[in-house]
N, C-alpha and C. Protein backbone atom coordinates (compact mmCIF):
# COMPACT_ATOMS: atom_id res chain seq x y z
N MET A 1 36.37 -36.93 3.02
CA MET A 1 36.51 -35.51 3.04
C MET A 1 35.89 -34.88 1.78
N GLU A 2 36.16 -35.42 0.59
CA GLU A 2 35.72 -34.93 -0.56
C GLU A 2 34.20 -34.94 -0.62
N LYS A 3 33.60 -36.16 -0.10
CA LYS A 3 32.14 -36.30 -0.08
C LYS A 3 31.52 -35.21 0.75
N TYR A 4 32.16 -34.89 1.86
CA TYR A 4 31.63 -33.86 2.76
C TYR A 4 31.68 -32.47 2.08
N ILE A 5 32.73 -32.26 1.39
CA ILE A 5 32.78 -30.95 0.67
C ILE A 5 31.73 -30.81 -0.43
N GLN A 6 31.53 -31.96 -1.13
CA GLN A 6 30.64 -32.00 -2.29
C GLN A 6 29.12 -31.74 -1.68
N LYS A 7 28.82 -32.45 -0.58
CA LYS A 7 27.58 -32.30 -0.04
C LYS A 7 27.23 -30.90 0.47
N THR A 8 28.21 -30.39 1.17
CA THR A 8 28.19 -29.01 1.69
C THR A 8 27.94 -27.89 0.53
N VAL A 9 28.70 -28.10 -0.46
CA VAL A 9 28.54 -27.12 -1.65
C VAL A 9 27.22 -27.31 -2.25
N VAL A 10 26.84 -28.48 -2.42
CA VAL A 10 25.49 -28.61 -3.07
C VAL A 10 24.44 -28.10 -2.22
N LEU A 11 24.51 -28.25 -0.79
CA LEU A 11 23.55 -27.68 0.02
C LEU A 11 23.41 -26.20 0.00
N VAL A 12 24.63 -25.50 -0.13
CA VAL A 12 24.60 -24.15 -0.16
C VAL A 12 24.01 -23.61 -1.57
N ILE A 13 24.29 -24.30 -2.58
CA ILE A 13 23.72 -23.99 -3.89
C ILE A 13 22.29 -24.07 -3.91
N VAL A 14 21.70 -25.19 -3.25
CA VAL A 14 20.28 -25.34 -3.25
C VAL A 14 19.60 -24.25 -2.33
N ILE A 15 20.21 -23.86 -1.25
CA ILE A 15 19.73 -22.75 -0.42
C ILE A 15 19.63 -21.53 -1.20
N GLN A 16 20.72 -21.20 -1.94
CA GLN A 16 20.77 -19.90 -2.67
C GLN A 16 19.67 -19.96 -3.75
N ILE A 17 19.45 -21.13 -4.45
CA ILE A 17 18.41 -21.13 -5.49
C ILE A 17 17.07 -20.91 -4.93
N LEU A 18 16.74 -21.50 -3.74
CA LEU A 18 15.54 -21.30 -2.98
C LEU A 18 15.25 -19.82 -2.54
N LEU A 19 16.33 -19.18 -2.16
CA LEU A 19 16.27 -17.73 -1.89
C LEU A 19 15.89 -16.88 -2.96
N PHE A 20 16.62 -17.04 -4.05
CA PHE A 20 16.39 -16.22 -5.24
C PHE A 20 15.00 -16.61 -5.92
N GLN A 21 14.66 -17.83 -5.88
CA GLN A 21 13.34 -18.24 -6.50
C GLN A 21 12.17 -17.62 -5.60
N ASN A 22 12.34 -17.76 -4.32
CA ASN A 22 11.27 -17.20 -3.43
C ASN A 22 11.23 -15.74 -3.62
N CYS A 23 12.36 -15.07 -3.78
CA CYS A 23 12.39 -13.61 -3.98
C CYS A 23 11.60 -13.19 -5.24
N TYR A 24 11.80 -13.99 -6.33
CA TYR A 24 11.09 -13.69 -7.59
C TYR A 24 9.71 -14.01 -7.57
N LEU A 25 9.23 -15.14 -6.97
CA LEU A 25 7.82 -15.54 -6.90
C LEU A 25 7.08 -14.50 -6.03
N VAL A 26 7.53 -14.21 -4.83
CA VAL A 26 6.71 -13.28 -3.98
C VAL A 26 6.63 -11.93 -4.59
N LYS A 27 7.79 -11.41 -5.15
CA LYS A 27 7.73 -10.14 -5.75
C LYS A 27 6.83 -10.02 -6.92
N SER A 28 6.74 -11.04 -7.68
CA SER A 28 5.88 -11.09 -8.86
C SER A 28 4.43 -11.03 -8.53
N GLU A 29 4.06 -11.41 -7.24
CA GLU A 29 2.71 -11.38 -6.85
C GLU A 29 2.18 -9.99 -6.34
N VAL A 30 3.23 -9.11 -6.05
CA VAL A 30 2.91 -7.77 -5.55
C VAL A 30 2.36 -6.83 -6.67
N PRO A 31 1.17 -6.28 -6.57
CA PRO A 31 0.66 -5.39 -7.59
C PRO A 31 1.70 -4.34 -7.90
N VAL A 32 1.78 -3.92 -9.24
CA VAL A 32 2.58 -2.91 -9.64
C VAL A 32 2.21 -1.53 -9.10
N ILE A 33 0.88 -1.27 -9.10
CA ILE A 33 0.37 0.01 -8.62
C ILE A 33 -0.31 -0.09 -7.23
N ALA A 34 0.01 0.71 -6.41
CA ALA A 34 -0.70 0.89 -5.06
C ALA A 34 -1.04 2.24 -4.70
N SER A 35 -2.12 2.42 -3.93
CA SER A 35 -2.47 3.80 -3.64
C SER A 35 -2.94 3.85 -2.15
N ARG A 36 -2.79 4.97 -1.54
CA ARG A 36 -3.13 5.30 -0.18
C ARG A 36 -3.43 6.75 0.10
N VAL A 37 -4.25 7.03 1.09
CA VAL A 37 -4.38 8.43 1.57
C VAL A 37 -3.31 8.66 2.65
N SER A 38 -2.50 9.60 2.42
CA SER A 38 -1.25 9.67 3.27
C SER A 38 -1.30 10.90 4.17
N GLY A 39 -2.39 11.77 4.03
CA GLY A 39 -2.48 12.87 4.88
C GLY A 39 -3.95 13.51 4.98
N ILE A 40 -4.32 13.68 6.15
CA ILE A 40 -5.63 14.39 6.42
C ILE A 40 -5.57 15.58 7.33
N SER A 41 -6.08 16.72 6.92
CA SER A 41 -5.97 17.88 7.63
C SER A 41 -7.17 18.77 7.51
N GLU A 42 -7.39 19.67 8.41
CA GLU A 42 -8.36 20.73 8.40
C GLU A 42 -9.81 20.04 8.20
N ILE A 43 -10.02 19.15 9.10
CA ILE A 43 -11.41 18.59 9.32
C ILE A 43 -12.35 19.58 9.80
N SER A 44 -13.41 20.09 9.11
CA SER A 44 -14.15 21.16 9.54
C SER A 44 -15.67 21.05 9.02
N ARG A 45 -16.55 21.73 9.74
CA ARG A 45 -17.88 21.83 9.33
C ARG A 45 -18.06 22.99 8.35
N ILE A 46 -18.83 22.81 7.33
CA ILE A 46 -19.03 23.94 6.45
C ILE A 46 -20.55 24.58 6.67
N ILE A 47 -20.42 25.88 7.15
CA ILE A 47 -21.64 26.43 7.53
C ILE A 47 -22.31 27.12 6.29
N TYR A 48 -21.60 27.90 5.56
CA TYR A 48 -22.21 28.54 4.43
C TYR A 48 -21.64 27.95 3.09
N SER A 49 -22.49 27.42 2.30
CA SER A 49 -22.10 26.83 0.97
C SER A 49 -23.35 26.80 0.13
N GLU A 50 -23.15 26.94 -1.20
CA GLU A 50 -24.29 26.75 -2.14
C GLU A 50 -24.68 25.33 -2.16
N ASN A 51 -23.84 24.44 -1.75
CA ASN A 51 -24.17 22.99 -1.83
C ASN A 51 -24.76 22.42 -0.50
N THR A 52 -25.05 23.28 0.62
CA THR A 52 -25.66 22.81 1.74
C THR A 52 -27.05 22.43 1.51
N LEU A 53 -27.45 21.39 2.28
CA LEU A 53 -28.86 20.83 2.09
C LEU A 53 -29.62 20.80 3.33
N PRO A 54 -30.90 20.89 3.26
CA PRO A 54 -31.75 20.97 4.58
C PRO A 54 -31.55 19.61 5.22
N ASN A 55 -31.68 19.70 6.68
CA ASN A 55 -31.55 18.55 7.45
C ASN A 55 -30.44 17.65 7.32
N LYS A 56 -29.33 18.37 6.88
CA LYS A 56 -28.00 17.74 6.82
C LYS A 56 -26.91 18.71 7.16
N THR A 57 -25.81 18.11 7.67
CA THR A 57 -24.60 18.87 7.98
C THR A 57 -23.46 18.51 7.11
N MET A 58 -22.83 19.61 6.58
CA MET A 58 -21.68 19.28 5.63
C MET A 58 -20.31 19.48 6.28
N PHE A 59 -19.55 18.58 6.01
CA PHE A 59 -18.16 18.69 6.43
C PHE A 59 -17.10 18.60 5.36
N SER A 60 -15.91 19.00 5.56
CA SER A 60 -14.80 18.95 4.61
C SER A 60 -13.51 18.55 5.19
N MET A 61 -12.64 18.10 4.47
CA MET A 61 -11.25 17.79 4.89
C MET A 61 -10.31 17.87 3.72
N ASN A 62 -9.13 18.36 4.03
CA ASN A 62 -8.10 18.28 2.96
C ASN A 62 -7.43 16.81 3.08
N VAL A 63 -7.15 16.26 1.91
CA VAL A 63 -6.53 14.99 1.87
C VAL A 63 -5.28 14.95 0.81
N ALA A 64 -4.34 14.29 1.21
CA ALA A 64 -3.14 14.04 0.33
C ALA A 64 -3.15 12.50 -0.03
N SER A 65 -2.94 12.22 -1.21
CA SER A 65 -2.94 10.80 -1.64
C SER A 65 -1.53 10.55 -2.33
N GLU A 66 -1.12 9.27 -2.24
CA GLU A 66 -0.02 8.75 -2.92
C GLU A 66 -0.24 7.64 -3.82
N ILE A 67 0.28 7.65 -5.06
CA ILE A 67 0.16 6.58 -5.91
C ILE A 67 1.58 5.97 -6.13
N LEU A 68 1.73 4.78 -5.81
CA LEU A 68 3.06 4.09 -5.89
C LEU A 68 3.13 3.28 -7.12
N ASN A 69 4.17 3.52 -7.97
CA ASN A 69 4.43 2.67 -9.11
C ASN A 69 5.75 1.84 -8.74
N ARG A 70 5.56 0.54 -8.57
CA ARG A 70 6.71 -0.25 -8.12
C ARG A 70 7.62 -0.71 -9.31
N ASP A 71 7.16 -0.36 -10.47
CA ASP A 71 7.99 -0.69 -11.76
C ASP A 71 9.07 0.31 -11.90
N SER A 72 9.95 -0.02 -12.86
CA SER A 72 11.14 0.96 -13.15
C SER A 72 10.86 1.73 -14.39
N GLU A 73 9.63 1.56 -14.83
CA GLU A 73 9.29 2.33 -16.03
C GLU A 73 7.85 3.01 -15.76
N ASN A 74 7.43 3.93 -16.57
CA ASN A 74 6.18 4.59 -16.46
C ASN A 74 4.98 3.52 -16.65
N TYR A 75 3.97 3.48 -15.82
CA TYR A 75 2.96 2.57 -15.92
C TYR A 75 1.56 3.32 -16.11
N THR A 76 0.76 2.84 -17.12
CA THR A 76 -0.45 3.39 -17.28
C THR A 76 -1.59 2.59 -16.76
N VAL A 77 -2.47 3.30 -16.04
CA VAL A 77 -3.65 2.72 -15.49
C VAL A 77 -4.90 3.11 -16.23
N ILE A 78 -6.03 2.29 -16.08
CA ILE A 78 -7.20 2.67 -16.81
C ILE A 78 -8.44 2.71 -15.68
N ASP A 79 -8.94 3.84 -15.57
CA ASP A 79 -10.17 3.95 -14.77
C ASP A 79 -11.55 4.18 -15.48
N LEU A 80 -12.48 3.63 -15.06
CA LEU A 80 -13.73 3.58 -15.76
C LEU A 80 -14.56 4.77 -15.77
N ALA A 81 -14.19 5.81 -14.91
CA ALA A 81 -14.87 7.11 -14.75
C ALA A 81 -14.00 8.13 -14.35
N ASP A 82 -14.40 9.27 -14.77
CA ASP A 82 -13.60 10.57 -14.37
C ASP A 82 -14.36 11.14 -13.22
N CYS A 83 -13.72 11.03 -12.14
CA CYS A 83 -14.37 11.59 -10.85
C CYS A 83 -13.56 12.66 -10.08
N TRP A 84 -14.41 13.56 -9.49
CA TRP A 84 -13.82 14.56 -8.55
C TRP A 84 -14.63 14.65 -7.46
N PRO A 85 -14.11 14.56 -6.20
CA PRO A 85 -12.69 14.21 -5.93
C PRO A 85 -12.41 12.67 -6.21
N LYS A 86 -11.21 12.33 -6.17
CA LYS A 86 -10.84 10.99 -6.45
C LYS A 86 -10.81 10.12 -5.13
N VAL A 87 -10.62 10.69 -4.05
CA VAL A 87 -10.76 10.03 -2.79
C VAL A 87 -12.12 9.71 -2.44
N ILE A 88 -12.42 8.51 -2.02
CA ILE A 88 -13.68 8.04 -1.47
C ILE A 88 -13.75 8.03 0.00
N ILE A 89 -14.82 8.43 0.63
CA ILE A 89 -14.99 8.25 2.09
C ILE A 89 -16.27 7.59 2.42
N ASN A 90 -16.31 6.63 3.37
CA ASN A 90 -17.45 6.10 3.93
C ASN A 90 -17.28 5.97 5.41
N ALA A 91 -18.40 5.58 6.08
CA ALA A 91 -18.26 5.48 7.51
C ALA A 91 -19.25 4.48 8.10
N THR A 92 -18.93 3.93 9.25
CA THR A 92 -19.80 3.16 10.07
C THR A 92 -19.96 3.90 11.37
N PHE A 93 -21.16 4.34 11.72
CA PHE A 93 -21.41 5.07 12.88
C PHE A 93 -21.90 4.26 14.11
N VAL A 94 -21.52 4.85 15.28
CA VAL A 94 -22.07 4.29 16.53
C VAL A 94 -23.58 4.36 16.49
N ASN A 95 -24.06 5.52 16.22
CA ASN A 95 -25.54 5.68 16.04
C ASN A 95 -25.89 5.37 14.70
N GLN A 96 -26.51 4.27 14.49
CA GLN A 96 -26.84 3.54 13.23
C GLN A 96 -27.87 4.40 12.35
N ALA A 97 -28.46 5.46 12.95
CA ALA A 97 -29.35 6.25 12.24
C ALA A 97 -28.63 7.25 11.34
N PHE A 98 -27.35 7.45 11.64
CA PHE A 98 -26.62 8.37 10.77
C PHE A 98 -26.09 7.73 9.52
N GLU A 99 -26.04 8.49 8.44
CA GLU A 99 -25.55 8.14 7.13
C GLU A 99 -24.70 9.13 6.62
N LEU A 100 -23.65 8.75 5.89
CA LEU A 100 -22.70 9.53 5.13
C LEU A 100 -22.87 9.61 3.66
N GLU A 101 -22.95 10.79 3.13
CA GLU A 101 -23.07 10.92 1.62
C GLU A 101 -21.96 11.91 1.10
N GLU A 102 -21.03 11.40 0.38
CA GLU A 102 -19.96 12.19 -0.29
C GLU A 102 -20.44 13.05 -1.36
N ASP A 103 -20.03 14.34 -1.43
CA ASP A 103 -20.36 15.21 -2.48
C ASP A 103 -19.32 14.89 -3.59
N ILE A 104 -19.66 14.12 -4.66
CA ILE A 104 -18.76 13.68 -5.66
C ILE A 104 -19.41 13.66 -6.99
N MET A 105 -18.68 13.99 -7.99
CA MET A 105 -19.21 14.06 -9.39
C MET A 105 -18.40 13.20 -10.25
N CYS A 106 -19.00 12.31 -11.04
CA CYS A 106 -18.35 11.30 -11.86
C CYS A 106 -18.95 11.36 -13.30
N GLN A 107 -18.14 11.27 -14.30
CA GLN A 107 -18.54 11.12 -15.65
C GLN A 107 -18.07 9.73 -16.20
N SER A 108 -19.04 9.15 -16.94
CA SER A 108 -18.66 7.78 -17.40
C SER A 108 -17.73 7.87 -18.63
N THR A 109 -16.60 8.30 -18.32
CA THR A 109 -15.57 8.50 -19.32
C THR A 109 -14.36 7.62 -18.98
N ILE A 110 -13.86 6.82 -19.83
CA ILE A 110 -12.79 5.92 -19.56
C ILE A 110 -11.42 6.79 -19.55
N MET A 111 -10.75 6.79 -18.46
CA MET A 111 -9.62 7.76 -18.34
C MET A 111 -8.28 6.84 -18.20
N HIS A 112 -7.18 7.30 -18.86
CA HIS A 112 -5.83 6.69 -18.87
C HIS A 112 -4.91 7.63 -18.05
N TYR A 113 -4.24 7.11 -17.03
CA TYR A 113 -3.30 7.92 -16.38
C TYR A 113 -2.00 7.26 -16.34
N SER A 114 -0.89 7.93 -16.44
CA SER A 114 0.47 7.39 -16.46
C SER A 114 1.22 7.84 -15.20
N TYR A 115 1.75 6.84 -14.47
CA TYR A 115 2.57 7.21 -13.37
C TYR A 115 3.94 6.87 -13.47
N HIS A 116 4.81 7.74 -13.00
CA HIS A 116 6.27 7.51 -13.17
C HIS A 116 6.67 6.60 -12.00
N PRO A 117 7.88 5.94 -12.13
CA PRO A 117 8.43 5.07 -11.04
C PRO A 117 8.38 5.81 -9.73
N GLY A 118 8.06 5.07 -8.77
CA GLY A 118 8.15 5.77 -7.39
C GLY A 118 6.78 6.26 -7.05
N ILE A 119 6.72 7.36 -6.26
CA ILE A 119 5.49 7.84 -5.72
C ILE A 119 5.04 9.18 -6.28
N THR A 120 3.79 9.16 -6.78
CA THR A 120 3.17 10.42 -7.31
C THR A 120 2.22 11.05 -6.16
N HIS A 121 2.32 12.26 -5.92
CA HIS A 121 1.54 12.91 -4.79
C HIS A 121 0.35 13.74 -5.52
N GLU A 122 -0.86 13.55 -4.80
CA GLU A 122 -2.06 14.19 -5.13
C GLU A 122 -2.61 15.02 -3.95
N TYR A 123 -3.27 16.14 -4.17
CA TYR A 123 -3.87 16.84 -3.13
C TYR A 123 -5.29 17.29 -3.52
N GLU A 124 -6.23 17.15 -2.74
CA GLU A 124 -7.62 17.63 -3.05
C GLU A 124 -8.49 17.78 -1.69
N LYS A 125 -9.61 18.34 -1.92
CA LYS A 125 -10.50 18.59 -0.79
C LYS A 125 -11.70 17.73 -0.88
N ILE A 126 -12.24 17.09 0.01
CA ILE A 126 -13.39 16.22 -0.04
C ILE A 126 -14.47 16.89 0.78
N GLU A 127 -15.72 16.84 0.44
CA GLU A 127 -16.76 17.30 1.19
C GLU A 127 -17.88 16.18 1.26
N PHE A 128 -18.51 16.15 2.42
CA PHE A 128 -19.60 15.14 2.59
C PHE A 128 -20.61 15.57 3.56
N TYR A 129 -21.81 14.96 3.50
CA TYR A 129 -22.89 15.21 4.25
C TYR A 129 -23.29 14.20 5.32
N ILE A 130 -23.71 14.53 6.39
CA ILE A 130 -24.21 13.63 7.43
C ILE A 130 -25.70 14.02 7.63
N ASN A 131 -26.68 13.10 7.66
CA ASN A 131 -28.11 13.32 7.56
C ASN A 131 -28.59 13.70 8.97
N GLN A 132 -28.01 14.82 9.56
CA GLN A 132 -28.65 15.56 10.59
C GLN A 132 -28.14 16.92 10.61
N SER A 133 -29.07 17.82 10.93
CA SER A 133 -28.62 19.24 10.86
C SER A 133 -28.02 19.67 12.13
N ASP A 134 -27.23 20.76 12.05
CA ASP A 134 -26.61 21.41 13.21
C ASP A 134 -25.61 20.62 13.95
N LEU A 135 -25.02 19.69 13.41
CA LEU A 135 -23.93 18.93 14.02
C LEU A 135 -22.68 19.83 14.16
N THR A 136 -22.11 19.78 15.31
CA THR A 136 -20.88 20.62 15.52
C THR A 136 -19.51 19.87 15.32
N GLN A 137 -19.64 18.52 15.27
CA GLN A 137 -18.38 17.79 15.15
C GLN A 137 -18.75 16.47 14.44
N LEU A 138 -17.77 15.62 14.01
CA LEU A 138 -17.98 14.45 13.43
C LEU A 138 -18.60 13.46 14.41
N PRO A 139 -19.70 12.77 14.08
CA PRO A 139 -20.28 11.80 14.93
C PRO A 139 -19.33 10.61 15.23
N ASP A 140 -19.51 9.97 16.38
CA ASP A 140 -18.68 8.84 16.76
C ASP A 140 -18.75 7.85 15.74
N GLY A 141 -17.77 7.14 15.36
CA GLY A 141 -17.69 6.06 14.50
C GLY A 141 -16.36 5.81 13.74
N ASN A 142 -16.37 4.94 12.84
CA ASN A 142 -15.13 4.69 11.99
C ASN A 142 -15.29 4.99 10.59
N TYR A 143 -14.37 5.96 10.14
CA TYR A 143 -14.41 6.49 8.75
C TYR A 143 -13.28 5.81 8.07
N THR A 144 -13.58 5.61 6.80
CA THR A 144 -12.62 4.90 5.96
C THR A 144 -12.41 5.71 4.62
N LEU A 145 -11.12 6.00 4.32
CA LEU A 145 -10.81 6.78 3.10
C LEU A 145 -9.88 5.86 2.13
N PHE A 146 -10.08 5.97 0.94
CA PHE A 146 -9.21 5.29 -0.02
C PHE A 146 -9.20 5.89 -1.36
N ARG A 147 -8.18 5.64 -2.16
CA ARG A 147 -7.98 6.30 -3.51
C ARG A 147 -8.08 5.09 -4.53
N PRO A 148 -9.27 4.99 -5.19
CA PRO A 148 -9.42 3.88 -6.13
C PRO A 148 -8.45 4.18 -7.43
N VAL A 149 -7.89 3.24 -7.90
CA VAL A 149 -7.02 3.33 -9.15
C VAL A 149 -7.08 1.95 -9.94
N ASN A 150 -6.89 2.15 -11.22
CA ASN A 150 -6.94 0.94 -12.13
C ASN A 150 -8.32 0.18 -11.95
N THR A 151 -9.46 0.98 -11.96
CA THR A 151 -10.73 0.29 -11.63
C THR A 151 -11.14 -0.58 -12.78
N ALA A 152 -10.52 -0.45 -13.98
CA ALA A 152 -10.87 -1.29 -15.06
C ALA A 152 -10.50 -2.80 -14.90
N SER A 153 -9.89 -3.03 -13.74
CA SER A 153 -9.41 -4.41 -13.43
C SER A 153 -10.70 -5.15 -13.17
N SER A 154 -11.77 -4.52 -12.78
CA SER A 154 -13.07 -5.24 -12.54
C SER A 154 -13.63 -5.86 -13.76
N LEU A 155 -13.15 -5.45 -14.92
CA LEU A 155 -13.66 -5.97 -16.22
C LEU A 155 -12.54 -6.80 -16.88
N GLY A 156 -11.43 -7.07 -16.13
CA GLY A 156 -10.35 -7.86 -16.56
C GLY A 156 -9.42 -7.10 -17.62
N TRP A 157 -9.57 -5.82 -17.73
CA TRP A 157 -8.74 -5.14 -18.76
C TRP A 157 -7.34 -4.95 -18.29
N VAL A 158 -7.12 -4.76 -16.96
CA VAL A 158 -5.71 -4.50 -16.48
C VAL A 158 -5.62 -5.27 -15.16
N ASP A 159 -4.30 -5.21 -14.70
CA ASP A 159 -4.06 -5.90 -13.38
C ASP A 159 -4.68 -5.06 -12.19
N PRO A 160 -5.14 -5.72 -11.23
CA PRO A 160 -5.69 -4.90 -10.05
C PRO A 160 -4.54 -4.26 -9.32
N ALA A 161 -5.00 -3.08 -8.69
CA ALA A 161 -4.00 -2.41 -7.96
C ALA A 161 -4.18 -2.66 -6.46
N GLU A 162 -3.23 -2.30 -5.60
CA GLU A 162 -3.33 -2.52 -4.12
C GLU A 162 -3.90 -1.20 -3.64
N ILE A 163 -5.09 -1.24 -3.12
CA ILE A 163 -5.67 -0.14 -2.62
C ILE A 163 -5.73 -0.16 -1.03
N LEU A 164 -4.93 0.65 -0.39
CA LEU A 164 -4.78 0.67 1.05
C LEU A 164 -5.82 1.60 1.71
N LEU A 165 -6.27 1.25 2.88
CA LEU A 165 -7.34 1.98 3.54
C LEU A 165 -6.72 2.82 4.71
N THR A 166 -7.18 4.05 4.69
CA THR A 166 -6.78 4.97 5.85
C THR A 166 -8.05 5.08 6.74
N ARG A 167 -7.89 4.98 7.99
CA ARG A 167 -9.02 4.98 8.92
C ARG A 167 -9.02 6.20 9.89
N ILE A 168 -10.21 6.70 10.15
CA ILE A 168 -10.32 7.79 11.17
C ILE A 168 -11.29 7.25 12.28
N GLU A 169 -10.77 7.22 13.44
CA GLU A 169 -11.74 6.71 14.51
C GLU A 169 -12.02 8.02 15.39
N VAL A 170 -13.32 8.13 15.53
CA VAL A 170 -13.88 9.32 16.25
C VAL A 170 -14.62 8.87 17.53
N SER A 171 -14.27 9.33 18.66
CA SER A 171 -14.87 8.98 19.87
C SER A 171 -14.99 10.22 20.76
N SER A 172 -16.22 10.63 21.06
CA SER A 172 -16.47 11.81 21.90
C SER A 172 -15.69 13.06 21.48
N GLY A 173 -15.51 13.16 20.24
CA GLY A 173 -14.78 14.39 19.67
C GLY A 173 -13.32 14.18 19.49
N ASP A 174 -12.72 13.00 20.04
CA ASP A 174 -11.32 12.76 19.87
C ASP A 174 -11.19 12.03 18.54
N ILE A 175 -10.18 12.41 17.81
CA ILE A 175 -9.96 11.93 16.47
C ILE A 175 -8.59 11.20 16.40
N LYS A 176 -8.66 9.99 15.91
CA LYS A 176 -7.48 9.28 15.74
C LYS A 176 -7.36 8.86 14.30
N ILE A 177 -6.19 9.06 13.57
CA ILE A 177 -6.10 8.78 12.16
C ILE A 177 -5.06 7.62 12.01
N ILE A 178 -5.38 6.59 11.36
CA ILE A 178 -4.48 5.49 11.20
C ILE A 178 -4.13 5.37 9.71
N TYR A 179 -2.87 5.62 9.41
CA TYR A 179 -2.37 5.56 7.93
C TYR A 179 -1.72 4.25 7.69
N PRO A 180 -1.99 3.73 6.57
CA PRO A 180 -1.36 2.43 6.09
C PRO A 180 0.04 2.81 5.50
N ASP A 181 0.89 1.82 5.54
CA ASP A 181 2.24 1.91 4.94
C ASP A 181 2.31 1.13 3.74
N PHE A 182 3.04 1.69 2.71
CA PHE A 182 3.31 0.93 1.46
C PHE A 182 4.33 -0.11 1.78
N VAL A 183 4.17 -1.39 1.31
CA VAL A 183 5.19 -2.36 1.34
C VAL A 183 5.88 -2.33 -0.09
N VAL A 184 7.05 -1.65 -0.14
CA VAL A 184 7.75 -1.61 -1.41
C VAL A 184 8.23 -2.99 -1.92
N PHE A 185 8.67 -3.82 -0.89
CA PHE A 185 9.01 -5.16 -1.14
C PHE A 185 8.45 -6.05 -0.15
N THR A 186 7.71 -7.01 -0.33
CA THR A 186 7.13 -7.88 0.66
C THR A 186 8.18 -8.98 1.07
N ILE A 187 9.32 -8.91 0.51
CA ILE A 187 10.46 -10.04 0.81
C ILE A 187 11.75 -9.24 1.07
N PRO A 188 12.70 -9.87 1.48
CA PRO A 188 14.00 -9.21 1.60
C PRO A 188 14.50 -8.64 0.19
N GLU A 189 14.95 -7.44 0.33
CA GLU A 189 15.48 -6.86 -0.95
C GLU A 189 16.67 -7.66 -1.48
N LEU A 190 16.91 -7.52 -2.79
CA LEU A 190 17.90 -8.34 -3.44
C LEU A 190 19.25 -8.16 -2.71
N SER A 191 19.52 -7.01 -2.23
CA SER A 191 20.95 -6.89 -1.59
C SER A 191 20.99 -7.71 -0.32
N ASN A 192 19.81 -7.75 0.39
CA ASN A 192 19.78 -8.65 1.55
C ASN A 192 19.98 -10.21 1.21
N VAL A 193 19.40 -10.58 0.09
CA VAL A 193 19.45 -11.92 -0.37
C VAL A 193 20.88 -12.19 -0.75
N ILE A 194 21.61 -11.14 -1.38
CA ILE A 194 23.09 -11.25 -1.68
C ILE A 194 23.89 -11.50 -0.50
N THR A 195 23.52 -10.70 0.49
CA THR A 195 24.29 -10.69 1.76
C THR A 195 24.19 -12.05 2.45
N ILE A 196 22.98 -12.70 2.47
CA ILE A 196 22.75 -13.93 3.01
C ILE A 196 23.60 -14.96 2.29
N SER A 197 23.54 -14.91 0.96
CA SER A 197 24.33 -15.87 0.15
C SER A 197 25.84 -15.79 0.39
N PHE A 198 26.28 -14.50 0.55
CA PHE A 198 27.66 -14.30 0.83
C PHE A 198 28.11 -14.87 2.17
N VAL A 199 27.25 -14.60 3.12
CA VAL A 199 27.51 -15.15 4.54
C VAL A 199 27.55 -16.74 4.52
N LEU A 200 26.59 -17.29 3.89
CA LEU A 200 26.56 -18.78 3.72
C LEU A 200 27.87 -19.26 3.08
N SER A 201 28.22 -18.68 1.88
CA SER A 201 29.32 -19.06 1.22
C SER A 201 30.60 -18.94 2.01
N SER A 202 30.72 -17.85 2.76
CA SER A 202 31.90 -17.60 3.58
C SER A 202 31.99 -18.67 4.69
N ILE A 203 30.85 -18.94 5.29
CA ILE A 203 30.83 -19.97 6.36
C ILE A 203 31.36 -21.34 5.85
N VAL A 204 30.74 -21.79 4.66
CA VAL A 204 31.11 -23.03 4.14
C VAL A 204 32.60 -22.98 3.73
N LEU A 205 32.99 -22.00 3.15
CA LEU A 205 34.40 -21.86 2.58
C LEU A 205 35.37 -22.04 3.84
N GLY A 206 35.04 -21.23 5.00
CA GLY A 206 35.86 -21.32 6.12
C GLY A 206 35.84 -22.69 6.76
N ASP A 207 34.70 -23.43 6.78
CA ASP A 207 34.62 -24.73 7.25
C ASP A 207 35.45 -25.68 6.42
N ILE A 208 35.44 -25.50 5.15
CA ILE A 208 36.24 -26.46 4.22
C ILE A 208 37.77 -26.26 4.53
N ILE A 209 38.11 -24.92 4.61
CA ILE A 209 39.51 -24.64 4.94
C ILE A 209 39.93 -25.15 6.34
N PHE A 210 39.06 -25.14 7.21
CA PHE A 210 39.35 -25.67 8.58
C PHE A 210 39.45 -27.19 8.60
N GLN A 211 38.54 -27.84 7.74
CA GLN A 211 38.70 -29.30 7.75
C GLN A 211 39.89 -29.82 7.09
N GLN A 212 40.28 -29.06 5.98
CA GLN A 212 41.51 -29.44 5.20
C GLN A 212 42.66 -29.23 6.12
N LYS A 213 42.70 -28.14 6.81
CA LYS A 213 43.87 -27.90 7.69
C LYS A 213 43.98 -28.97 8.83
N LYS A 214 42.83 -29.32 9.32
CA LYS A 214 42.71 -30.33 10.33
C LYS A 214 43.12 -31.73 9.89
N GLN A 215 42.85 -31.97 8.59
CA GLN A 215 43.20 -33.19 8.02
C GLN A 215 44.75 -33.22 7.80
N LYS A 216 45.28 -32.18 7.35
CA LYS A 216 46.68 -32.15 7.16
C LYS A 216 47.57 -32.38 8.44
N GLU A 217 46.99 -31.79 9.50
CA GLU A 217 47.70 -31.86 10.80
C GLU A 217 47.68 -33.38 11.26
N ARG A 218 46.57 -34.03 10.99
CA ARG A 218 46.49 -35.38 11.33
C ARG A 218 47.46 -36.34 10.57
N ARG A 219 47.81 -35.94 9.31
CA ARG A 219 48.75 -36.75 8.59
C ARG A 219 50.16 -36.52 9.01
N ARG A 220 50.47 -35.46 9.62
CA ARG A 220 51.86 -35.25 10.17
C ARG A 220 52.26 -36.17 11.23
C-alpha cells in the first residue's frame, strides 16, 4: 500500500512539474509585442484631391490598429523609419495587370515608441492608387493590411514583434474583411494550470483515502 501511495504521489508531482514547465517554455516563446489592423471602414474612391495622378484611381479607407504589449510593464520598440500612415497595404489582383501603390511618406529617422501593458489603439486614414483611371470600385483580388512595429529587429537590435495580417477579399464588388485575433496566451492560463493540478491532487488524495479505508475494512 505504501509503495502504491509513493508511486502515485510521485506521478502527480511529475505531471505538475511538466505542466508548469510547459507553461513557462511556451509563454516565453510568444513575442512581447504584437500588432494588428482591427477595424476598416469608409472604403471609398477619391475623386478630387491634389494627390490624384493621371491614369490612376485613388482610394482611401479608415483603419484602426491595435498594439498589444503582453508584458506587465511599459515596453519600448524601435522602428527604423518615421512613416505616415503606419499601416501598410498591398494586394494581389485577379487581373494581374493591376498594381497597387500606397501614398505613404517615410523619413529615415530611428523612432522609439513606448507601449503600456495591454492594448494601445491607433486610428488613421490610408490612401492608395490603382493603375487604371475611372475605376468605380476596388478591383477583384486579395488585399492585405498590417501594422509594422519593432522593425529594428531586422538588424538584431530588438526582439521581433508578432505582425498579424488583416485580409480584404473583393469579388464582383462584394467585400469580405477577415480580422486576425490576438493570442494573449498560447497555452492554458496559469489559473487553468492550477485548476488542473488541484483536480489531480484531489483525485489522488481521494483514491488514497479510499484505499486506506478499504484496507482497514479487510483487517476487521
